[in-house]
N, C-alpha and C. Protein backbone atom coordinates (compact mmCIF):
# COMPACT_ATOMS: atom_id res chain seq x y z
N UNK A 1 0.81 -1.31 0.04
CA UNK A 1 0.01 -0.20 -0.33
C UNK A 1 0.56 1.35 0.50
N UNK A 2 -0.03 2.57 -0.11
CA UNK A 2 1.06 3.14 -0.84
C UNK A 2 1.33 4.35 0.56
N UNK A 3 2.19 5.10 0.36
CA UNK A 3 2.23 5.73 2.05
C UNK A 3 1.55 7.21 1.09
N UNK A 4 0.32 7.78 2.23
CA UNK A 4 0.30 8.88 1.81
C UNK A 4 0.35 10.12 2.83
N UNK A 5 0.50 10.95 2.29
CA UNK A 5 0.81 12.44 3.02
C UNK A 5 -0.47 13.78 2.56
N UNK A 6 -1.02 13.87 3.67
CA UNK A 6 -2.00 14.27 4.02
C UNK A 6 -1.21 16.75 3.64
N UNK A 7 -1.91 16.88 2.60
CA UNK A 7 -1.83 18.37 2.50
C UNK A 7 -3.06 19.58 2.79
N UNK A 8 -2.93 20.53 1.87
CA UNK A 8 -3.94 21.80 1.70
C UNK A 8 -3.75 21.75 0.55
N UNK A 9 -4.57 21.96 -0.21
CA UNK A 9 -4.67 22.53 -1.96
C UNK A 9 -5.47 23.84 -1.59
N UNK A 10 -5.12 25.32 -2.94
CA UNK A 10 -6.52 25.66 -3.26
C UNK A 10 -6.72 25.92 -4.57
N UNK A 11 -8.53 25.76 -4.70
CA UNK A 11 -9.28 25.57 -5.24
C UNK A 11 -10.48 26.95 -5.93
N UNK A 12 -10.42 27.55 -6.88
CA UNK A 12 -11.77 28.10 -7.42
C UNK A 12 -12.71 26.94 -7.09
N UNK A 13 -13.85 27.48 -6.52
CA UNK A 13 -14.84 27.31 -6.08
C UNK A 13 -15.85 26.19 -7.34
N UNK A 14 -15.53 27.45 -8.39
CA UNK A 14 -16.23 26.10 -9.41
C UNK A 14 -16.15 24.89 -9.63
N UNK A 15 -14.57 24.85 -9.45
CA UNK A 15 -13.43 23.89 -9.60
C UNK A 15 -13.76 22.20 -8.41
N UNK A 16 -13.79 23.03 -7.54
CA UNK A 16 -14.95 22.26 -6.37
C UNK A 16 -15.17 21.78 -6.62
N UNK A 17 -16.06 22.46 -6.49
CA UNK A 17 -17.85 22.08 -6.93
C UNK A 17 -17.97 20.87 -7.96
N UNK A 18 -17.51 21.39 -9.09
CA UNK A 18 -18.06 20.10 -10.01
C UNK A 18 -16.31 18.96 -9.56
N UNK A 19 -15.18 18.66 -8.30
CA UNK A 19 -15.25 17.92 -8.31
C UNK A 19 -15.99 17.04 -7.21
N UNK A 20 -16.26 17.71 -6.62
CA UNK A 20 -17.41 16.99 -5.41
C UNK A 20 -18.74 16.19 -6.33
N UNK A 21 -18.92 16.81 -7.43
CA UNK A 21 -20.11 16.67 -8.13
C UNK A 21 -20.05 15.33 -8.79
N UNK A 22 -18.70 15.29 -9.03
CA UNK A 22 -18.29 13.96 -10.01
C UNK A 22 -18.01 12.95 -8.71
N UNK A 23 -17.01 13.80 -7.51
CA UNK A 23 -17.18 12.24 -6.70
C UNK A 23 -18.21 11.44 -6.03
N UNK A 24 -19.73 12.69 -6.07
CA UNK A 24 -20.89 12.09 -5.42
C UNK A 24 -21.40 10.74 -6.91
N UNK A 25 -21.39 11.30 -7.79
CA UNK A 25 -22.03 10.65 -9.34
C UNK A 25 -20.82 9.34 -9.12
N UNK A 26 -19.43 9.51 -8.83
CA UNK A 26 -19.22 8.02 -9.45
C UNK A 26 -19.62 7.03 -7.17
N UNK A 27 -19.52 7.82 -6.52
CA UNK A 27 -19.30 7.72 -5.23
C UNK A 27 -18.19 7.56 -4.89
N UNK A 28 -17.79 8.04 -5.09
CA UNK A 28 -16.07 7.79 -4.64
C UNK A 28 -16.12 9.02 -3.64
N UNK A 29 -14.80 9.09 -2.78
CA UNK A 29 -14.29 10.15 -2.25
C UNK A 29 -13.94 11.18 -2.94
N UNK A 30 -13.69 12.22 -2.71
CA UNK A 30 -12.85 14.32 -3.07
C UNK A 30 -11.85 13.63 -3.55
N UNK A 31 -11.08 13.32 -2.74
CA UNK A 31 -9.19 12.88 -2.35
C UNK A 31 -9.43 11.92 -3.58
N UNK A 32 -9.65 10.38 -4.08
CA UNK A 32 -9.71 9.49 -5.06
C UNK A 32 -9.62 10.42 -6.14
N UNK A 33 -11.20 10.91 -6.69
CA UNK A 33 -11.05 11.65 -7.43
C UNK A 33 -9.52 12.41 -7.81
N UNK A 34 -9.37 14.06 -7.00
CA UNK A 34 -7.86 14.25 -7.02
C UNK A 34 -6.53 13.09 -7.34
N UNK A 35 -6.89 12.41 -6.68
CA UNK A 35 -5.60 11.48 -7.27
C UNK A 35 -5.00 10.60 -8.13
N UNK A 36 -6.71 10.03 -8.89
CA UNK A 36 -6.99 9.84 -9.84
C UNK A 36 -6.52 11.13 -11.09
N UNK A 37 -7.01 12.23 -10.79
CA UNK A 37 -6.29 13.42 -11.86
C UNK A 37 -5.03 13.51 -11.98
N UNK A 38 -4.56 13.92 -10.27
CA UNK A 38 -3.45 13.43 -10.74
C UNK A 38 -2.52 12.82 -10.43
N UNK A 39 -3.03 11.44 -10.06
CA UNK A 39 -1.76 10.51 -10.92
C UNK A 39 -1.60 9.96 -11.70
N UNK A 40 -2.95 10.27 -12.82
CA UNK A 40 -2.55 9.80 -14.44
C UNK A 40 -3.14 7.47 -14.58
N UNK A 41 -3.47 7.72 -14.00
CA UNK A 41 -2.92 6.10 -13.46
C UNK A 41 -3.68 5.44 -14.71
N UNK A 42 -4.94 5.88 -14.67
CA UNK A 42 -5.97 5.43 -15.96
C UNK A 42 -6.35 5.37 -16.86
N UNK A 43 -5.74 4.71 -17.86
CA UNK A 43 -6.18 5.46 -18.71
C UNK A 43 -7.54 5.55 -19.59
N UNK A 44 -7.43 6.40 -20.08
CA UNK A 44 -8.75 5.99 -20.62
C UNK A 44 -9.06 5.81 -22.99
N UNK A 45 -10.49 4.50 -22.62
CA UNK A 45 -10.02 5.07 -24.10
C UNK A 45 -10.76 5.57 -24.91
N UNK A 46 -10.35 5.89 -26.32
CA UNK A 46 -10.83 6.60 -27.08
C UNK A 46 -12.19 7.21 -26.72
N UNK A 47 -12.91 6.04 -27.15
CA UNK A 47 -14.63 6.96 -26.82
C UNK A 47 -15.41 7.46 -25.53
N UNK A 48 -14.27 7.13 -24.29
CA UNK A 48 -14.24 7.76 -22.72
C UNK A 48 -13.67 8.78 -22.77
N UNK A 49 -12.55 9.14 -23.47
CA UNK A 49 -11.97 10.62 -23.04
C UNK A 49 -12.75 11.68 -24.80
N UNK A 50 -12.59 10.90 -25.44
CA UNK A 50 -14.35 12.36 -26.40
C UNK A 50 -15.50 12.53 -25.25
N UNK A 51 -16.25 11.40 -24.18
CA UNK A 51 -17.04 12.16 -23.88
C UNK A 51 -16.81 13.10 -23.17
N UNK A 52 -15.38 12.58 -22.35
CA UNK A 52 -15.09 13.82 -20.65
C UNK A 52 -14.55 14.96 -21.56
N UNK A 53 -14.17 15.22 -23.24
CA UNK A 53 -13.39 16.03 -23.76
C UNK A 53 -15.07 17.39 -24.00
N UNK A 54 -15.62 16.41 -23.99
CA UNK A 54 -17.04 16.83 -25.09
C UNK A 54 -18.04 17.39 -23.52
N UNK A 55 -17.95 16.76 -22.73
CA UNK A 55 -18.45 17.47 -21.61
C UNK A 55 -17.64 18.11 -20.01
N UNK A 56 -16.31 18.38 -20.35
CA UNK A 56 -15.56 18.94 -19.50
C UNK A 56 -16.12 20.19 -19.33
N UNK A 57 -16.23 21.00 -18.86
CA UNK A 57 -17.35 22.53 -18.28
C UNK A 57 -15.66 23.56 -17.99
N UNK A 58 -14.86 23.46 -18.17
CA UNK A 58 -13.69 24.61 -17.88
C UNK A 58 -12.75 24.31 -19.19
N UNK A 59 -12.23 25.52 -19.08
CA UNK A 59 -11.14 26.07 -19.75
C UNK A 59 -10.01 25.59 -20.03
N UNK A 60 -10.20 24.90 -18.84
CA UNK A 60 -8.31 24.51 -19.05
C UNK A 60 -7.36 23.17 -19.82
N UNK A 61 -8.47 23.40 -20.91
CA UNK A 61 -7.45 22.31 -21.96
C UNK A 61 -5.53 22.80 -21.76
N UNK A 62 -4.80 21.66 -21.79
CA UNK A 62 -3.50 21.68 -22.12
C UNK A 62 -3.62 22.21 -23.54
N UNK A 63 -2.67 22.41 -24.23
CA UNK A 63 -2.34 22.39 -25.01
C UNK A 63 -2.37 21.20 -26.41
N UNK A 64 -1.88 20.21 -25.80
CA UNK A 64 -1.93 18.70 -25.71
C UNK A 64 -3.09 17.88 -26.15
N UNK A 65 -3.76 18.57 -24.81
CA UNK A 65 -5.40 18.24 -24.57
C UNK A 65 -6.34 19.07 -25.90
N UNK A 66 -5.62 19.93 -26.49
CA UNK A 66 -6.66 19.95 -27.88
C UNK A 66 -6.16 19.59 -28.80
N UNK A 67 -4.96 18.98 -29.12
CA UNK A 67 -4.80 18.47 -30.44
C UNK A 67 -5.49 17.70 -30.13
N UNK A 68 -5.50 16.74 -29.10
CA UNK A 68 -5.97 15.08 -28.86
C UNK A 68 -7.78 15.57 -29.38
N UNK A 69 -8.37 16.12 -28.78
CA UNK A 69 -9.41 16.92 -28.68
C UNK A 69 -9.75 16.77 -30.10
N UNK A 70 -8.86 17.57 -31.15
CA UNK A 70 -9.06 17.93 -32.21
C UNK A 70 -9.27 16.47 -33.53
N UNK A 71 -7.97 15.30 -33.04
CA UNK A 71 -7.97 14.62 -33.81
C UNK A 71 -9.75 13.71 -33.76
N UNK A 72 -9.78 13.67 -32.58
CA UNK A 72 -10.80 12.69 -31.89
C UNK A 72 -12.00 13.57 -32.18
N UNK A 73 -12.50 14.56 -32.28
CA UNK A 73 -13.38 15.43 -32.99
C UNK A 73 -12.89 15.49 -34.44
N UNK A 74 -12.20 15.34 -35.48
CA UNK A 74 -12.45 14.55 -37.18
C UNK A 74 -12.55 13.20 -37.57
N UNK A 75 -11.98 12.25 -36.43
CA UNK A 75 -12.41 11.16 -36.80
C UNK A 75 -13.85 10.51 -36.02
N UNK A 76 -14.58 11.49 -35.04
CA UNK A 76 -15.98 11.30 -34.27
C UNK A 76 -16.55 12.38 -35.73
N UNK A 77 -16.48 12.73 -36.36
CA UNK A 77 -17.74 14.05 -37.32
C UNK A 77 -17.22 12.88 -38.67
N UNK A 78 -16.84 12.05 -39.11
CA UNK A 78 -16.46 11.49 -39.95
C UNK A 78 -17.06 10.57 -39.34
N UNK A 79 -17.06 9.54 -38.25
CA UNK A 79 -18.13 8.55 -38.59
C UNK A 79 -19.50 8.96 -38.37
N UNK A 80 -19.98 10.31 -38.54
CA UNK A 80 -20.69 10.96 -38.12
C UNK A 80 -21.48 11.02 -39.43
N UNK A 81 -20.64 11.13 -40.58
CA UNK A 81 -21.36 11.43 -41.81
C UNK A 81 -20.94 10.02 -42.75
N UNK A 82 -20.48 9.33 -42.07
CA UNK A 82 -20.66 7.61 -42.61
C UNK A 82 -21.75 7.01 -42.56
N UNK A 83 -22.22 6.95 -40.69
CA UNK A 83 -23.56 6.73 -40.65
C UNK A 83 -24.62 7.40 -40.79
N UNK A 84 -24.23 8.80 -41.53
CA UNK A 84 -25.79 10.30 -41.97
C UNK A 84 -26.60 10.47 -40.31
N UNK A 85 -25.76 10.39 -39.54
CA UNK A 85 -26.29 10.76 -37.76
C UNK A 85 -26.63 12.20 -38.02
């Protein structure tokens, strides 16, 4: 088991509330949600990443996130046209 360190962080209220809501929906603690986001150990499938990108209500994407988003969005749009959605 990992050794944990207790620390304090400051978050903007809207980020805190969003994380609390995510934790409640996932039935996880706020700490677990933050550890997942900081640790980055969980790899998302392309579909899950697309859903995450499209549903994220923030403007804090990194340049890499935005490039990934553009590639995924292009692929998604191509599939939409292919299946006439």
